[in-house]
Amino acid sequence: MIKIMKAKYPGRCSRSGAPIQTGDEIAYNTDTRTAYITCEDDVHTITLNDQGRYRTFTRNARGRCEDSPCCGCCTI
């Protein structure tokens, strides 16, 4: 079961390896006992014009993922 909650302790995101600070909103999986950051709220969108062709990229506001596998939020 997944619970959305505030982190009680500092740690690392199980998906991206990004730091989790006390008080950050996280998703906690009670079956695997792992926590991860929900990136949907923390994503920057960048649109570039390349000779008339628009390209849109996304990037996690906390920075790029440090460990593999990437959580999938970054396309640039």
N, C-alpha and C. Protein backbone atom coordinates (compact mmCIF):
# COMPACT_ATOMS: atom_id res chain seq x y z
N MET A 1 0.84 -1.17 0.00
CA MET A 1 0.00 0.00 0.00
C MET A 1 0.90 1.24 0.00
N ILE A 2 0.53 2.24 -0.79
CA ILE A 2 1.28 3.49 -0.89
C ILE A 2 0.60 4.54 -0.01
N LYS A 3 1.39 5.18 0.83
CA LYS A 3 0.90 6.26 1.68
C LYS A 3 1.62 7.54 1.29
N ILE A 4 0.87 8.62 1.11
CA ILE A 4 1.45 9.94 0.89
C ILE A 4 1.55 10.59 2.26
N MET A 5 2.77 11.01 2.62
CA MET A 5 2.99 11.55 3.96
C MET A 5 4.17 12.50 3.96
N LYS A 6 4.39 13.15 5.09
CA LYS A 6 5.57 14.00 5.28
C LYS A 6 6.67 13.14 5.88
N ALA A 7 7.90 13.32 5.40
CA ALA A 7 9.03 12.53 5.89
C ALA A 7 9.33 12.88 7.35
N LYS A 8 9.48 11.85 8.17
CA LYS A 8 9.81 12.05 9.58
C LYS A 8 11.32 12.10 9.79
N TYR A 9 12.06 11.50 8.86
CA TYR A 9 13.52 11.40 8.98
C TYR A 9 14.16 11.76 7.64
N PRO A 10 15.37 12.27 7.64
CA PRO A 10 16.07 12.50 6.38
C PRO A 10 16.49 11.18 5.75
N GLY A 11 16.62 11.16 4.44
CA GLY A 11 17.02 9.94 3.75
C GLY A 11 17.26 10.21 2.29
N ARG A 12 17.14 9.16 1.48
CA ARG A 12 17.34 9.25 0.02
C ARG A 12 16.13 8.65 -0.69
N CYS A 13 15.79 9.24 -1.83
CA CYS A 13 14.70 8.74 -2.66
C CYS A 13 15.12 7.38 -3.23
N SER A 14 14.25 6.40 -3.11
CA SER A 14 14.58 5.05 -3.60
C SER A 14 14.58 4.98 -5.11
N ARG A 15 13.99 5.94 -5.81
CA ARG A 15 13.96 5.94 -7.27
C ARG A 15 15.10 6.74 -7.87
N SER A 16 15.35 7.94 -7.34
CA SER A 16 16.33 8.82 -7.97
C SER A 16 17.60 9.03 -7.16
N GLY A 17 17.57 8.70 -5.88
CA GLY A 17 18.72 8.93 -5.03
C GLY A 17 18.82 10.36 -4.51
N ALA A 18 17.85 11.19 -4.85
CA ALA A 18 17.84 12.58 -4.38
C ALA A 18 17.63 12.62 -2.87
N PRO A 19 18.20 13.61 -2.21
CA PRO A 19 18.03 13.69 -0.76
C PRO A 19 16.59 14.00 -0.36
N ILE A 20 16.13 13.37 0.70
CA ILE A 20 14.82 13.65 1.29
C ILE A 20 15.08 14.32 2.63
N GLN A 21 14.51 15.49 2.81
CA GLN A 21 14.65 16.24 4.06
C GLN A 21 13.44 15.98 4.94
N THR A 22 13.61 16.14 6.23
CA THR A 22 12.49 16.02 7.17
C THR A 22 11.42 17.05 6.79
N GLY A 23 10.19 16.59 6.63
CA GLY A 23 9.09 17.47 6.27
C GLY A 23 8.73 17.46 4.80
N ASP A 24 9.58 16.87 3.94
CA ASP A 24 9.26 16.76 2.51
C ASP A 24 8.09 15.80 2.32
N GLU A 25 7.27 16.07 1.30
CA GLU A 25 6.18 15.16 0.99
C GLU A 25 6.72 13.97 0.19
N ILE A 26 6.44 12.78 0.65
CA ILE A 26 6.94 11.56 0.02
C ILE A 26 5.82 10.55 -0.15
N ALA A 27 6.06 9.57 -0.98
CA ALA A 27 5.19 8.40 -1.09
C ALA A 27 5.93 7.24 -0.43
N TYR A 28 5.28 6.59 0.52
CA TYR A 28 5.91 5.49 1.27
C TYR A 28 5.19 4.20 0.93
N ASN A 29 5.95 3.21 0.47
CA ASN A 29 5.41 1.90 0.14
C ASN A 29 5.54 1.02 1.38
N THR A 30 4.42 0.66 1.98
CA THR A 30 4.46 -0.12 3.22
C THR A 30 4.87 -1.57 2.99
N ASP A 31 4.71 -2.08 1.77
CA ASP A 31 5.10 -3.46 1.47
C ASP A 31 6.62 -3.61 1.37
N THR A 32 7.25 -2.69 0.64
CA THR A 32 8.71 -2.77 0.44
C THR A 32 9.48 -1.89 1.43
N ARG A 33 8.75 -1.07 2.19
CA ARG A 33 9.34 -0.15 3.17
C ARG A 33 10.35 0.80 2.53
N THR A 34 9.95 1.34 1.37
CA THR A 34 10.79 2.31 0.66
C THR A 34 10.01 3.61 0.48
N ALA A 35 10.74 4.71 0.39
CA ALA A 35 10.14 6.03 0.19
C ALA A 35 10.69 6.64 -1.07
N TYR A 36 9.85 7.40 -1.76
CA TYR A 36 10.32 8.11 -2.94
C TYR A 36 9.60 9.45 -3.04
N ILE A 37 10.23 10.36 -3.75
CA ILE A 37 9.70 11.70 -3.95
C ILE A 37 8.75 11.65 -5.13
N THR A 38 7.61 12.27 -4.98
CA THR A 38 6.69 12.37 -6.11
C THR A 38 7.10 13.56 -6.95
N CYS A 39 7.63 13.31 -8.14
CA CYS A 39 8.26 14.35 -8.97
C CYS A 39 7.28 15.19 -9.75
N GLU A 40 6.02 14.80 -9.85
CA GLU A 40 5.10 15.53 -10.70
C GLU A 40 4.99 17.00 -10.31
N ASP A 41 5.07 17.31 -9.02
CA ASP A 41 4.94 18.69 -8.57
C ASP A 41 6.25 19.45 -8.70
N ASP A 42 7.36 18.76 -8.84
CA ASP A 42 8.67 19.39 -8.84
C ASP A 42 9.37 19.26 -10.18
N VAL A 43 8.63 19.47 -11.28
CA VAL A 43 9.21 19.33 -12.61
C VAL A 43 9.15 20.67 -13.34
N HIS A 44 10.29 21.09 -13.89
CA HIS A 44 10.35 22.29 -14.73
C HIS A 44 10.21 21.86 -16.18
N THR A 45 9.47 22.63 -16.95
CA THR A 45 9.28 22.36 -18.38
C THR A 45 9.99 23.45 -19.18
N ILE A 46 10.76 23.03 -20.19
CA ILE A 46 11.52 23.94 -21.03
C ILE A 46 11.12 23.68 -22.48
N THR A 47 10.73 24.72 -23.21
CA THR A 47 10.39 24.58 -24.62
C THR A 47 11.41 25.38 -25.44
N LEU A 48 12.04 24.72 -26.41
CA LEU A 48 13.04 25.36 -27.26
C LEU A 48 12.57 25.36 -28.70
N ASN A 49 12.89 26.43 -29.42
CA ASN A 49 12.56 26.55 -30.83
C ASN A 49 13.81 26.23 -31.63
N ASP A 50 13.81 25.13 -32.35
CA ASP A 50 14.94 24.71 -33.16
C ASP A 50 14.56 24.83 -34.63
N GLN A 51 14.75 26.01 -35.20
CA GLN A 51 14.45 26.30 -36.61
C GLN A 51 13.00 25.96 -36.95
N GLY A 52 12.09 26.49 -36.14
CA GLY A 52 10.67 26.29 -36.40
C GLY A 52 10.09 25.02 -35.80
N ARG A 53 10.93 24.18 -35.26
CA ARG A 53 10.46 22.93 -34.66
C ARG A 53 10.57 23.08 -33.14
N TYR A 54 9.44 23.09 -32.47
CA TYR A 54 9.43 23.25 -31.02
C TYR A 54 9.68 21.92 -30.34
N ARG A 55 10.57 21.94 -29.36
CA ARG A 55 10.89 20.73 -28.61
C ARG A 55 10.72 21.04 -27.13
N THR A 56 10.02 20.18 -26.41
CA THR A 56 9.76 20.39 -24.99
C THR A 56 10.52 19.35 -24.18
N PHE A 57 11.19 19.83 -23.14
CA PHE A 57 11.96 18.96 -22.25
C PHE A 57 11.49 19.19 -20.82
N THR A 58 11.70 18.19 -19.97
CA THR A 58 11.37 18.32 -18.56
C THR A 58 12.59 17.99 -17.73
N ARG A 59 12.63 18.59 -16.52
CA ARG A 59 13.74 18.32 -15.61
C ARG A 59 13.24 18.45 -14.18
N ASN A 60 13.68 17.54 -13.33
CA ASN A 60 13.33 17.57 -11.93
C ASN A 60 13.86 18.85 -11.30
N ALA A 61 13.04 19.56 -10.54
CA ALA A 61 13.44 20.81 -9.90
C ALA A 61 14.54 20.60 -8.86
N ARG A 62 14.66 19.39 -8.33
CA ARG A 62 15.69 19.10 -7.34
C ARG A 62 17.04 18.78 -7.99
N GLY A 63 17.08 18.74 -9.30
CA GLY A 63 18.32 18.41 -10.01
C GLY A 63 18.21 17.05 -10.67
N ARG A 64 19.21 16.73 -11.47
CA ARG A 64 19.18 15.44 -12.17
C ARG A 64 19.33 14.29 -11.20
N CYS A 65 18.80 13.15 -11.55
CA CYS A 65 18.91 11.95 -10.73
C CYS A 65 20.37 11.51 -10.65
N GLU A 66 20.83 11.15 -9.46
CA GLU A 66 22.23 10.78 -9.27
C GLU A 66 22.47 9.30 -9.53
N ASP A 67 21.52 8.47 -9.24
CA ASP A 67 21.71 7.02 -9.36
C ASP A 67 20.78 6.46 -10.43
N SER A 68 21.15 5.34 -10.96
CA SER A 68 20.29 4.62 -11.89
C SER A 68 19.43 3.66 -11.08
N PRO A 69 18.25 3.37 -11.46
CA PRO A 69 17.57 3.90 -12.65
C PRO A 69 16.98 5.26 -12.34
N CYS A 70 16.91 6.08 -13.37
CA CYS A 70 16.30 7.40 -13.24
C CYS A 70 14.80 7.24 -13.02
N CYS A 71 14.20 8.15 -12.31
CA CYS A 71 12.76 8.05 -12.02
C CYS A 71 11.92 8.38 -13.24
N GLY A 72 12.55 8.91 -14.31
CA GLY A 72 11.82 9.18 -15.55
C GLY A 72 11.33 10.60 -15.70
N CYS A 73 11.63 11.47 -14.76
CA CYS A 73 11.10 12.83 -14.84
C CYS A 73 11.95 13.74 -15.71
N CYS A 74 13.20 13.38 -16.00
CA CYS A 74 14.09 14.24 -16.77
C CYS A 74 14.22 13.76 -18.20
N THR A 75 14.06 14.68 -19.15
CA THR A 75 14.26 14.34 -20.56
C THR A 75 15.37 15.16 -21.18
N ILE A 76 16.06 15.94 -20.37
CA ILE A 76 17.16 16.76 -20.88
C ILE A 76 18.40 16.54 -20.01
